[in-house]
PDB file of N, CA and C in Angstrom:
ATOM      1  N   MET A   1     210.205 112.030 315.308  1.00  0.00           N
ATOM      2  CA  MET A   1     211.616 112.820 314.943  1.00  0.00           C
ATOM      3  C   MET A   1     211.352 113.309 313.681  1.00  0.00           C
ATOM      4  N   SER A   2     211.156 114.562 313.597  1.00  0.00           N
ATOM      5  CA  SER A   2     210.772 115.211 312.197  1.00  0.00           C
ATOM      6  C   SER A   2     212.535 115.372 311.195  1.00  0.00           C
ATOM      7  N   ARG A   3     212.451 114.661 309.892  1.00  0.00           N
ATOM      8  CA  ARG A   3     213.454 114.970 309.063  1.00  0.00           C
ATOM      9  C   ARG A   3     213.409 115.742 307.751  1.00  0.00           C
ATOM     10  N   GLU A   4     214.449 116.116 307.441  1.00  0.00           N
ATOM     11  CA  GLU A   4     214.253 116.676 306.244  1.00  0.00           C
ATOM     12  C   GLU A   4     214.643 115.706 305.140  1.00  0.00           C
ATOM     13  N   ILE A   5     214.484 116.035 303.888  1.00  0.00           N
ATOM     14  CA  ILE A   5     215.066 115.240 302.810  1.00  0.00           C
ATOM     15  C   ILE A   5     216.704 115.686 302.633  1.00  0.00           C
ATOM     16  N   THR A   6     217.641 114.891 302.702  1.00  0.00           N
ATOM     17  CA  THR A   6     218.812 114.852 302.413  1.00  0.00           C
ATOM     18  C   THR A   6     219.608 114.841 300.942  1.00  0.00           C
ATOM     19  N   VAL A   7     220.054 116.147 300.240  1.00  0.00           N
ATOM     20  CA  VAL A   7     220.212 115.837 298.962  1.00  0.00           C
ATOM     21  C   VAL A   7     222.081 115.174 298.808  1.00  0.00           C
ATOM     22  N   ILE A   8     221.995 114.598 298.124  1.00  0.00           N
ATOM     23  CA  ILE A   8     223.110 113.743 297.990  1.00  0.00           C
ATOM     24  C   ILE A   8     224.005 113.825 296.450  1.00  0.00           C
ATOM     25  N   SER A   9     224.986 113.269 296.209  1.00  0.00           N
ATOM     26  CA  SER A   9     225.542 113.132 295.085  1.00  0.00           C
ATOM     27  C   SER A   9     226.335 111.779 295.067  1.00  0.00           C
ATOM     28  N   ASP A  10     226.754 111.565 293.658  1.00  0.00           N
ATOM     29  CA  ASP A  10     227.451 109.900 293.651  1.00  0.00           C
ATOM     30  C   ASP A  10     228.642 110.008 294.836  1.00  0.00           C
ATOM     31  N   ARG A  11     229.390 110.987 295.206  1.00  0.00           N
ATOM     32  CA  ARG A  11     230.107 111.089 296.051  1.00  0.00           C
ATOM     33  C   ARG A  11     229.904 110.582 297.572  1.00  0.00           C
ATOM     34  N   GLU A  12     228.613 111.123 297.760  1.00  0.00           N
ATOM     35  CA  GLU A  12     227.959 110.696 299.526  1.00  0.00           C
ATOM     36  C   GLU A  12     227.207 109.338 299.171  1.00  0.00           C
ATOM     37  N   PHE A  13     227.004 108.884 297.995  1.00  0.00           N
ATOM     38  CA  PHE A  13     226.135 107.689 297.920  1.00  0.00           C
ATOM     39  C   PHE A  13     226.435 106.746 298.649  1.00  0.00           C
ATOM     40  N   GLU A  14     227.738 106.243 298.845  1.00  0.00           N
ATOM     41  CA  GLU A  14     227.856 105.147 299.612  1.00  0.00           C
ATOM     42  C   GLU A  14     227.932 105.379 301.265  1.00  0.00           C
ATOM     43  N   SER A  15     228.250 106.592 301.557  1.00  0.00           N
ATOM     44  CA  SER A  15     228.246 106.972 303.125  1.00  0.00           C
ATOM     45  C   SER A  15     226.710 107.087 303.440  1.00  0.00           C
ATOM     46  N   GLU A  16     225.807 107.638 302.829  1.00  0.00           N
ATOM     47  CA  GLU A  16     224.532 108.089 302.947  1.00  0.00           C
ATOM     48  C   GLU A  16     223.684 107.015 302.760  1.00  0.00           C
ATOM     49  N   VAL A  17     223.609 106.258 302.039  1.00  0.00           N
ATOM     50  CA  VAL A  17     222.535 104.900 301.687  1.00  0.00           C
ATOM     51  C   VAL A  17     223.210 103.719 302.113  1.00  0.00           C
ATOM     52  N   ILE A  18     224.503 103.296 301.680  1.00  0.00           N
ATOM     53  CA  ILE A  18     224.929 101.977 301.551  1.00  0.00           C
ATOM     54  C   ILE A  18     225.579 101.346 303.014  1.00  0.00           C
ATOM     55  N   GLN A  19     226.074 102.397 303.599  1.00  0.00           N
ATOM     56  CA  GLN A  19     226.709 102.311 304.726  1.00  0.00           C
ATOM     57  C   GLN A  19     225.586 102.630 305.974  1.00  0.00           C
ATOM     58  N   THR A  20     224.636 102.900 306.010  1.00  0.00           N
ATOM     59  CA  THR A  20     223.620 103.444 306.983  1.00  0.00           C
ATOM     60  C   THR A  20     222.708 102.272 307.532  1.00  0.00           C
ATOM     61  N   ASP A  21     222.563 102.071 308.889  1.00  0.00           N
ATOM     62  CA  ASP A  21     221.893 101.142 309.508  1.00  0.00           C
ATOM     63  C   ASP A  21     220.383 101.286 309.366  1.00  0.00           C
ATOM     64  N   GLU A  22     219.924 102.401 308.843  1.00  0.00           N
ATOM     65  CA  GLU A  22     218.265 102.557 308.619  1.00  0.00           C
ATOM     66  C   GLU A  22     217.753 102.344 307.504  1.00  0.00           C
ATOM     67  N   PRO A  23     216.705 102.402 306.917  1.00  0.00           N
ATOM     68  CA  PRO A  23     216.495 102.232 305.503  1.00  0.00           C
ATOM     69  C   PRO A  23     216.203 103.396 305.148  1.00  0.00           C
ATOM     70  N   VAL A  24     216.534 103.507 303.932  1.00  0.00           N
ATOM     71  CA  VAL A  24     216.955 104.978 303.063  1.00  0.00           C
ATOM     72  C   VAL A  24     216.615 104.673 301.769  1.00  0.00           C
ATOM     73  N   LEU A  25     215.252 105.725 301.644  1.00  0.00           N
ATOM     74  CA  LEU A  25     214.433 105.856 300.583  1.00  0.00           C
ATOM     75  C   LEU A  25     215.147 106.768 299.392  1.00  0.00           C
ATOM     76  N   VAL A  26     215.737 106.362 297.954  1.00  0.00           N
ATOM     77  CA  VAL A  26     216.604 107.539 297.512  1.00  0.00           C
ATOM     78  C   VAL A  26     215.556 107.677 296.216  1.00  0.00           C
ATOM     79  N   TYR A  27     215.327 108.976 296.331  1.00  0.00           N
ATOM     80  CA  TYR A  27     214.273 109.621 295.410  1.00  0.00           C
ATOM     81  C   TYR A  27     215.346 110.394 294.238  1.00  0.00           C
ATOM     82  N   PHE A  28     215.284 109.640 292.758  1.00  0.00           N
ATOM     83  CA  PHE A  28     215.897 110.065 292.017  1.00  0.00           C
ATOM     84  C   PHE A  28     215.086 111.023 291.087  1.00  0.00           C
ATOM     85  N   TRP A  29     215.760 112.130 290.666  1.00  0.00           N
ATOM     86  CA  TRP A  29     215.015 112.999 290.201  1.00  0.00           C
ATOM     87  C   TRP A  29     215.822 113.771 289.146  1.00  0.00           C
ATOM     88  N   ALA A  30     215.038 115.071 288.556  1.00  0.00           N
ATOM     89  CA  ALA A  30     215.744 115.857 287.452  1.00  0.00           C
ATOM     90  C   ALA A  30     214.872 117.159 287.476  1.00  0.00           C
ATOM     91  N   THR A  31     215.381 118.218 287.172  1.00  0.00           N
ATOM     92  CA  THR A  31     215.117 119.626 287.095  1.00  0.00           C
ATOM     93  C   THR A  31     213.946 119.609 286.279  1.00  0.00           C
ATOM     94  N   TRP A  32     214.242 119.079 284.963  1.00  0.00           N
ATOM     95  CA  TRP A  32     213.583 119.189 283.786  1.00  0.00           C
ATOM     96  C   TRP A  32     212.230 118.354 283.584  1.00  0.00           C
ATOM     97  N   CYS A  33     211.856 117.326 284.942  1.00  0.00           N
ATOM     98  CA  CYS A  33     210.955 116.663 285.129  1.00  0.00           C
ATOM     99  C   CYS A  33     209.601 117.065 285.663  1.00  0.00           C
ATOM    100  N   GLY A  34     208.421 117.343 284.787  1.00  0.00           N
ATOM    101  CA  GLY A  34     207.132 117.671 285.350  1.00  0.00           C
ATOM    102  C   GLY A  34     206.929 116.991 286.705  1.00  0.00           C
ATOM    103  N   PRO A  35     206.648 115.804 286.447  1.00  0.00           N
ATOM    104  CA  PRO A  35     206.318 114.625 287.202  1.00  0.00           C
ATOM    105  C   PRO A  35     206.996 114.615 288.808  1.00  0.00           C
ATOM    106  N   CYS A  36     207.928 115.151 288.610  1.00  0.00           N
ATOM    107  CA  CYS A  36     208.974 114.967 289.766  1.00  0.00           C
ATOM    108  C   CYS A  36     208.577 116.166 290.547  1.00  0.00           C
ATOM    109  N   ARG A  37     208.269 117.285 290.157  1.00  0.00           N
ATOM    110  CA  ARG A  37     207.500 118.577 290.868  1.00  0.00           C
ATOM    111  C   ARG A  37     206.553 117.998 291.602  1.00  0.00           C
ATOM    112  N   LEU A  38     205.557 117.321 290.921  1.00  0.00           N
ATOM    113  CA  LEU A  38     204.443 116.791 291.803  1.00  0.00           C
ATOM    114  C   LEU A  38     204.832 115.979 293.009  1.00  0.00           C
ATOM    115  N   MET A  39     205.528 114.850 292.594  1.00  0.00           N
ATOM    116  CA  MET A  39     206.245 114.026 294.075  1.00  0.00           C
ATOM    117  C   MET A  39     207.039 114.582 295.159  1.00  0.00           C
ATOM    118  N   SER A  40     207.692 115.692 294.530  1.00  0.00           N
ATOM    119  CA  SER A  40     208.793 116.009 295.804  1.00  0.00           C
ATOM    120  C   SER A  40     208.185 116.585 297.083  1.00  0.00           C
ATOM    121  N   PRO A  41     206.836 117.184 296.957  1.00  0.00           N
ATOM    122  CA  PRO A  41     205.775 117.567 298.351  1.00  0.00           C
ATOM    123  C   PRO A  41     205.659 116.378 299.192  1.00  0.00           C
ATOM    124  N   ILE A  42     205.251 115.448 298.251  1.00  0.00           N
ATOM    125  CA  ILE A  42     204.931 114.090 299.135  1.00  0.00           C
ATOM    126  C   ILE A  42     206.307 113.423 299.644  1.00  0.00           C
ATOM    127  N   LEU A  43     207.169 113.439 299.128  1.00  0.00           N
ATOM    128  CA  LEU A  43     208.393 112.820 299.600  1.00  0.00           C
ATOM    129  C   LEU A  43     208.767 113.542 300.771  1.00  0.00           C
ATOM    130  N   GLY A  44     208.817 115.125 300.615  1.00  0.00           N
ATOM    131  CA  GLY A  44     208.960 115.922 301.900  1.00  0.00           C
ATOM    132  C   GLY A  44     208.244 115.520 303.063  1.00  0.00           C
ATOM    133  N   ASN A  45     206.878 115.373 302.756  1.00  0.00           N
ATOM    134  CA  ASN A  45     205.962 114.749 303.718  1.00  0.00           C
ATOM    135  C   ASN A  45     206.169 113.559 304.425  1.00  0.00           C
ATOM    136  N   LEU A  46     206.828 112.765 303.689  1.00  0.00           N
ATOM    137  CA  LEU A  46     207.042 111.432 304.187  1.00  0.00           C
ATOM    138  C   LEU A  46     208.525 111.370 304.907  1.00  0.00           C
ATOM    139  N   ALA A  47     209.259 112.190 304.341  1.00  0.00           N
ATOM    140  CA  ALA A  47     210.501 112.467 305.172  1.00  0.00           C
ATOM    141  C   ALA A  47     210.015 112.988 306.578  1.00  0.00           C
ATOM    142  N   THR A  48     209.127 113.746 306.790  1.00  0.00           N
ATOM    143  CA  THR A  48     208.893 114.313 307.987  1.00  0.00           C
ATOM    144  C   THR A  48     208.059 113.341 308.993  1.00  0.00           C
ATOM    145  N   GLU A  49     207.157 112.621 308.133  1.00  0.00           N
ATOM    146  CA  GLU A  49     206.111 111.250 308.983  1.00  0.00           C
ATOM    147  C   GLU A  49     206.995 110.392 309.084  1.00  0.00           C
ATOM    148  N   TYR A  50     208.056 109.884 308.785  1.00  0.00           N
ATOM    149  CA  TYR A  50     208.492 108.639 308.735  1.00  0.00           C
ATOM    150  C   TYR A  50     210.148 108.994 309.674  1.00  0.00           C
ATOM    151  N   GLY A  51     210.443 110.044 309.822  1.00  0.00           N
ATOM    152  CA  GLY A  51     211.621 110.764 310.665  1.00  0.00           C
ATOM    153  C   GLY A  51     212.302 109.510 311.126  1.00  0.00           C
ATOM    154  N   ASP A  52     211.743 108.909 312.206  1.00  0.00           N
ATOM    155  CA  ASP A  52     212.457 108.145 313.165  1.00  0.00           C
ATOM    156  C   ASP A  52     212.534 106.714 312.481  1.00  0.00           C
ATOM    157  N   ARG A  53     211.943 106.290 311.474  1.00  0.00           N
ATOM    158  CA  ARG A  53     212.106 105.072 310.795  1.00  0.00           C
ATOM    159  C   ARG A  53     212.689 104.862 309.529  1.00  0.00           C
ATOM    160  N   LEU A  54     213.093 106.109 309.017  1.00  0.00           N
ATOM    161  CA  LEU A  54     213.519 106.139 307.629  1.00  0.00           C
ATOM    162  C   LEU A  54     214.061 107.293 307.229  1.00  0.00           C
ATOM    163  N   LYS A  55     215.193 106.929 306.153  1.00  0.00           N
ATOM    164  CA  LYS A  55     216.152 108.323 305.915  1.00  0.00           C
ATOM    165  C   LYS A  55     215.541 108.604 304.572  1.00  0.00           C
ATOM    166  N   VAL A  56     215.121 109.565 303.901  1.00  0.00           N
ATOM    167  CA  VAL A  56     214.897 110.156 302.541  1.00  0.00           C
ATOM    168  C   VAL A  56     215.770 110.882 302.067  1.00  0.00           C
ATOM    169  N   VAL A  57     216.377 110.641 300.813  1.00  0.00           N
ATOM    170  CA  VAL A  57     217.616 111.266 300.182  1.00  0.00           C
ATOM    171  C   VAL A  57     216.995 111.842 298.705  1.00  0.00           C
ATOM    172  N   LYS A  58     217.677 112.663 298.188  1.00  0.00           N
ATOM    173  CA  LYS A  58     217.052 113.159 296.897  1.00  0.00           C
ATOM    174  C   LYS A  58     218.505 112.996 295.934  1.00  0.00           C
ATOM    175  N   MET A  59     218.598 112.796 294.648  1.00  0.00           N
ATOM    176  CA  MET A  59     219.798 112.654 293.970  1.00  0.00           C
ATOM    177  C   MET A  59     219.554 113.058 292.408  1.00  0.00           C
ATOM    178  N   GLU A  60     219.658 114.214 292.200  1.00  0.00           N
ATOM    179  CA  GLU A  60     219.602 114.664 290.589  1.00  0.00           C
ATOM    180  C   GLU A  60     220.209 113.694 289.877  1.00  0.00           C
ATOM    181  N   VAL A  61     219.415 113.321 288.998  1.00  0.00           N
ATOM    182  CA  VAL A  61     219.940 112.333 287.887  1.00  0.00           C
ATOM    183  C   VAL A  61     221.123 113.043 286.864  1.00  0.00           C
ATOM    184  N   ASP A  62     220.980 113.926 286.489  1.00  0.00           N
ATOM    185  CA  ASP A  62     221.828 114.050 285.437  1.00  0.00           C
ATOM    186  C   ASP A  62     223.570 114.538 285.663  1.00  0.00           C
ATOM    187  N   PRO A  63     223.644 115.175 287.326  1.00  0.00           N
ATOM    188  CA  PRO A  63     224.982 115.481 287.401  1.00  0.00           C
ATOM    189  C   PRO A  63     225.777 114.126 287.996  1.00  0.00           C
ATOM    190  N   ASN A  64     224.962 113.114 288.555  1.00  0.00           N
ATOM    191  CA  ASN A  64     225.177 112.093 289.188  1.00  0.00           C
ATOM    192  C   ASN A  64     224.972 110.418 288.600  1.00  0.00           C
ATOM    193  N   PRO A  65     225.692 110.291 287.304  1.00  0.00           N
ATOM    194  CA  PRO A  65     225.740 109.097 286.352  1.00  0.00           C
ATOM    195  C   PRO A  65     226.170 107.907 286.966  1.00  0.00           C
ATOM    196  N   GLU A  66     226.996 108.008 287.893  1.00  0.00           N
ATOM    197  CA  GLU A  66     227.532 106.572 288.395  1.00  0.00           C
ATOM    198  C   GLU A  66     226.364 105.950 289.164  1.00  0.00           C
ATOM    199  N   ALA A  67     225.525 106.474 290.156  1.00  0.00           N
ATOM    200  CA  ALA A  67     224.346 106.060 290.791  1.00  0.00           C
ATOM    201  C   ALA A  67     223.240 105.334 289.816  1.00  0.00           C
ATOM    202  N   VAL A  68     223.016 106.312 289.033  1.00  0.00           N
ATOM    203  CA  VAL A  68     222.100 106.269 288.113  1.00  0.00           C
ATOM    204  C   VAL A  68     222.337 104.884 287.320  1.00  0.00           C
ATOM    205  N   ALA A  69     223.499 104.531 286.835  1.00  0.00           N
ATOM    206  CA  ALA A  69     224.073 103.416 286.109  1.00  0.00           C
ATOM    207  C   ALA A  69     223.996 102.221 287.029  1.00  0.00           C
ATOM    208  N   THR A  70     224.556 102.603 288.223  1.00  0.00           N
ATOM    209  CA  THR A  70     224.526 101.280 289.147  1.00  0.00           C
ATOM    210  C   THR A  70     223.437 100.859 289.390  1.00  0.00           C
ATOM    211  N   TYR A  71     222.230 101.672 289.499  1.00  0.00           N
ATOM    212  CA  TYR A  71     221.047 101.210 290.259  1.00  0.00           C
ATOM    213  C   TYR A  71     219.892 101.065 289.280  1.00  0.00           C
ATOM    214  N   LYS A  72     220.268 101.268 287.896  1.00  0.00           N
ATOM    215  CA  LYS A  72     219.772 100.994 286.893  1.00  0.00           C
ATOM    216  C   LYS A  72     218.318 101.973 286.855  1.00  0.00           C
ATOM    217  N   VAL A  73     218.262 103.156 287.238  1.00  0.00           N
ATOM    218  CA  VAL A  73     217.526 104.056 286.913  1.00  0.00           C
ATOM    219  C   VAL A  73     217.393 104.568 285.292  1.00  0.00           C
ATOM    220  N   GLU A  74     216.104 103.965 284.845  1.00  0.00           N
ATOM    221  CA  GLU A  74     216.050 104.391 283.527  1.00  0.00           C
ATOM    222  C   GLU A  74     214.952 105.439 283.296  1.00  0.00           C
ATOM    223  N   GLY A  75     214.215 106.149 284.056  1.00  0.00           N
ATOM    224  CA  GLY A  75     213.416 106.847 284.214  1.00  0.00           C
ATOM    225  C   GLY A  75     213.098 107.886 285.524  1.00  0.00           C
ATOM    226  N   VAL A  76     212.971 108.975 285.352  1.00  0.00           N
ATOM    227  CA  VAL A  76     212.361 109.847 286.580  1.00  0.00           C
ATOM    228  C   VAL A  76     210.945 110.238 286.638  1.00  0.00           C
ATOM    229  N   PRO A  77     210.288 110.324 288.140  1.00  0.00           N
ATOM    230  CA  PRO A  77     211.099 110.094 288.989  1.00  0.00           C
ATOM    231  C   PRO A  77     211.092 108.752 289.501  1.00  0.00           C
ATOM    232  N   ALA A  78     212.026 108.313 290.259  1.00  0.00           N
ATOM    233  CA  ALA A  78     212.219 107.057 290.351  1.00  0.00           C
ATOM    234  C   ALA A  78     212.486 106.705 292.023  1.00  0.00           C
ATOM    235  N   LEU A  79     212.356 105.825 292.524  1.00  0.00           N
ATOM    236  CA  LEU A  79     212.447 105.324 293.954  1.00  0.00           C
ATOM    237  C   LEU A  79     213.225 104.200 294.097  1.00  0.00           C
ATOM    238  N   ARG A  80     214.345 104.003 294.973  1.00  0.00           N
ATOM    239  CA  ARG A  80     214.842 102.831 295.280  1.00  0.00           C
ATOM    240  C   ARG A  80     214.834 102.849 296.778  1.00  0.00           C
ATOM    241  N   LEU A  81     214.315 101.559 297.500  1.00  0.00           N
ATOM    242  CA  LEU A  81     214.097 101.602 299.086  1.00  0.00           C
ATOM    243  C   LEU A  81     215.910 100.633 299.311  1.00  0.00           C
ATOM    244  N   PHE A  82     216.612 100.907 299.982  1.00  0.00           N
ATOM    245  CA  PHE A  82     217.828 100.328 300.683  1.00  0.00           C
ATOM    246  C   PHE A  82     217.613 100.034 302.056  1.00  0.00           C
ATOM    247  N   LYS A  83     218.125  98.977 302.121  1.00  0.00           N
ATOM    248  CA  LYS A  83     217.995  98.192 303.736  1.00  0.00           C
ATOM    249  C   LYS A  83     219.166  97.424 303.640  1.00  0.00           C
ATOM    250  N   ALA A  84     220.096  97.722 304.847  1.00  0.00           N
ATOM    251  CA  ALA A  84     221.292  96.880 304.739  1.00  0.00           C
ATOM    252  C   ALA A  84     222.221  96.802 303.643  1.00  0.00           C
ATOM    253  N   GLY A  85     222.083  97.995 302.945  1.00  0.00           N
ATOM    254  CA  GLY A  85     222.783  98.085 301.557  1.00  0.00           C
ATOM    255  C   GLY A  85     222.366  97.509 300.196  1.00  0.00           C
ATOM    256  N   GLU A  86     221.179  97.072 300.385  1.00  0.00           N
ATOM    257  CA  GLU A  86     220.501  96.267 299.160  1.00  0.00           C
ATOM    258  C   GLU A  86     219.362  96.943 298.878  1.00  0.00           C
ATOM    259  N   ILE A  87     218.714  96.986 297.587  1.00  0.00           N
ATOM    260  CA  ILE A  87     217.759  97.410 297.310  1.00  0.00           C
ATOM    261  C   ILE A  87     216.570  96.188 297.433  1.00  0.00           C
ATOM    262  N   VAL A  88     215.484  96.935 298.393  1.00  0.00           N
ATOM    263  CA  VAL A  88     214.270  95.626 298.642  1.00  0.00           C
ATOM    264  C   VAL A  88     213.041  96.235 297.994  1.00  0.00           C
ATOM    265  N   ALA A  89     213.021  97.433 297.258  1.00  0.00           N
ATOM    266  CA  ALA A  89     211.899  97.964 296.866  1.00  0.00           C
ATOM    267  C   ALA A  89     212.300  99.121 295.648  1.00  0.00           C
ATOM    268  N   ALA A  90     211.559  99.055 294.592  1.00  0.00           N
ATOM    269  CA  ALA A  90     211.960  99.912 293.617  1.00  0.00           C
ATOM    270  C   ALA A  90     210.438 100.519 292.834  1.00  0.00           C
ATOM    271  N   SER A  91     210.706 101.529 292.242  1.00  0.00           N
ATOM    272  CA  SER A  91     209.531 102.330 291.271  1.00  0.00           C
ATOM    273  C   SER A  91     210.065 103.074 290.320  1.00  0.00           C
ATOM    274  N   GLU A  92     209.616 103.357 289.351  1.00  0.00           N
ATOM    275  CA  GLU A  92     209.737 104.292 288.324  1.00  0.00           C
ATOM    276  C   GLU A  92     208.512 105.258 287.717  1.00  0.00           C
ATOM    277  N   GLY A  93     208.903 106.294 287.519  1.00  0.00           N
ATOM    278  CA  GLY A  93     207.495 107.093 287.106  1.00  0.00           C
ATOM    279  C   GLY A  93     206.702 107.779 288.292  1.00  0.00           C
ATOM    280  N   ALA A  94     205.733 108.601 287.983  1.00  0.00           N
ATOM    281  CA  ALA A  94     205.216 109.070 289.079  1.00  0.00           C
ATOM    282  C   ALA A  94     204.313 108.384 289.866  1.00  0.00           C
ATOM    283  N   ILE A  95     203.976 108.309 291.291  1.00  0.00           N
ATOM    284  CA  ILE A  95     203.188 107.339 291.885  1.00  0.00           C
ATOM    285  C   ILE A  95     202.470 108.288 293.076  1.00  0.00           C
ATOM    286  N   SER A  96     201.639 107.783 293.629  1.00  0.00           N
ATOM    287  CA  SER A  96     200.634 108.504 294.364  1.00  0.00           C
ATOM    288  C   SER A  96     201.056 108.512 295.887  1.00  0.00           C
ATOM    289  N   LYS A  97     200.879 108.963 296.748  1.00  0.00           N
ATOM    290  CA  LYS A  97     201.270 108.742 298.429  1.00  0.00           C
ATOM    291  C   LYS A  97     200.976 107.476 298.870  1.00  0.00           C
ATOM    292  N   PRO A  98     199.639 106.879 298.353  1.00  0.00           N
ATOM    293  CA  PRO A  98     199.140 105.767 298.784  1.00  0.00           C
ATOM    294  C   PRO A  98     200.066 104.410 298.117  1.00  0.00           C
ATOM    295  N   GLN A  99     200.345 104.697 296.767  1.00  0.00           N
ATOM    296  CA  GLN A  99     201.441 103.942 296.451  1.00  0.00           C
ATOM    297  C   GLN A  99     202.793 103.809 296.930  1.00  0.00           C
ATOM    298  N   ILE A 100     203.095 105.054 297.467  1.00  0.00           N
ATOM    299  CA  ILE A 100     204.432 104.940 298.120  1.00  0.00           C
ATOM    300  C   ILE A 100     204.606 104.261 299.524  1.00  0.00           C
ATOM    301  N   TYR A 101     203.287 104.306 300.158  1.00  0.00           N
ATOM    302  CA  TYR A 101     203.253 103.662 301.459  1.00  0.00           C
ATOM    303  C   TYR A 101     203.051 102.086 301.138  1.00  0.00           C
ATOM    304  N   GLN A 102     202.370 101.637 300.194  1.00  0.00           N
ATOM    305  CA  GLN A 102     202.725 100.328 299.821  1.00  0.00           C
ATOM    306  C   GLN A 102     203.811  99.954 299.319  1.00  0.00           C
ATOM    307  N   LEU A 103     204.686 100.548 298.502  1.00  0.00           N
ATOM    308  CA  LEU A 103     206.032 100.290 298.189  1.00  0.00           C
ATOM    309  C   LEU A 103     206.986 100.135 299.570  1.00  0.00           C
ATOM    310  N   LEU A 104     206.559 100.831 300.601  1.00  0.00           N
ATOM    311  CA  LEU A 104     207.361 100.925 301.811  1.00  0.00           C
ATOM    312  C   LEU A 104     206.795  99.775 302.919  1.00  0.00           C
ATOM    313  N   GLU A 105     205.665  99.585 302.878  1.00  0.00           N
ATOM    314  CA  GLU A 105     204.872  98.860 303.954  1.00  0.00           C
ATOM    315  C   GLU A 105     205.916  97.356 304.254  1.00  0.00           C
ATOM    316  N   ALA A 106     206.431  96.833 303.528  1.00  0.00           N
ATOM    317  CA  ALA A 106     206.879  95.652 303.660  1.00  0.00           C
ATOM    318  C   ALA A 106     208.275  95.695 304.507  1.00  0.00           C
ATOM    319  N   HIS A 107     208.862  96.812 304.352  1.00  0.00           N
ATOM    320  CA  HIS A 107     210.278  97.357 304.848  1.00  0.00           C
ATOM    321  C   HIS A 107     210.263  98.410 305.759  1.00  0.00           C
ATOM    322  N   VAL A 108     209.287  98.798 306.421  1.00  0.00           N
ATOM    323  CA  VAL A 108     209.289 100.203 307.183  1.00  0.00           C
ATOM    324  C   VAL A 108     208.114 100.009 308.041  1.00  0.00           C
ATOM    325  N   SER A 109     208.016 100.109 309.214  1.00  0.00           N
ATOM    326  CA  SER A 109     206.850 100.320 309.915  1.00  0.00           C
ATOM    327  C   SER A 109     206.357 101.469 309.566  1.00  0.00           C
ATOM    328  N   LEU A 110     205.036 101.697 309.343  1.00  0.00           N
ATOM    329  CA  LEU A 110     204.363 102.552 309.121  1.00  0.00           C
ATOM    330  C   LEU A 110     203.937 103.907 309.913  1.00  0.00           C
ATOM    331  N   PRO A 111     203.758 104.936 309.940  1.00  0.00           N
ATOM    332  CA  PRO A 111     203.217 105.823 310.932  1.00  0.00           C
ATOM    333  C   PRO A 111     201.619 105.473 310.874  1.00  0.00           C
ATOM    334  N   ALA A 112     200.921 105.831 312.022  1.00  0.00           N
ATOM    335  CA  ALA A 112     199.564 106.024 312.012  1.00  0.00           C
ATOM    336  C   ALA A 112     198.788 107.011 311.055  1.00  0.00           C
ATOM    337  N   GLU A 113     198.024 106.788 310.088  1.00  0.00           N
ATOM    338  CA  GLU A 113     197.432 107.310 309.197  1.00  0.00           C
ATOM    339  C   GLU A 113     196.511 108.439 310.152  1.00  0.00           C
ATOM    340  N   SER A 114     196.402 109.784 309.866  1.00  0.00           N
ATOM    341  CA  SER A 114     195.629 110.668 310.572  1.00  0.00           C
ATOM    342  C   SER A 114     194.480 111.087 309.718  1.00  0.00           C
TER     343      SER A 114
END
């Protein structure tokens, strides 16, 4: 199942991330962040590849200070992987696609490499 990245705000964080049954990768980003522009296409591809196993959501940090503070996002880009409402993996700073796969591999079944 192909899936797109869902854009969320503080208001939707609980329902879109915490209360969902599937693993959720939250991508924290900012419009002024150069490295975020490099990671966005990678995360779009992951949302498609992992569509049936992982939900990918995107949250802009500046207008959403509540989730940023709660989940201790200190820099962007940042990733937080949630499973059953808890953070099970995290990363700060730009990382490559293989590094994202490594972050996910213990918690989400990986698609076959092509």
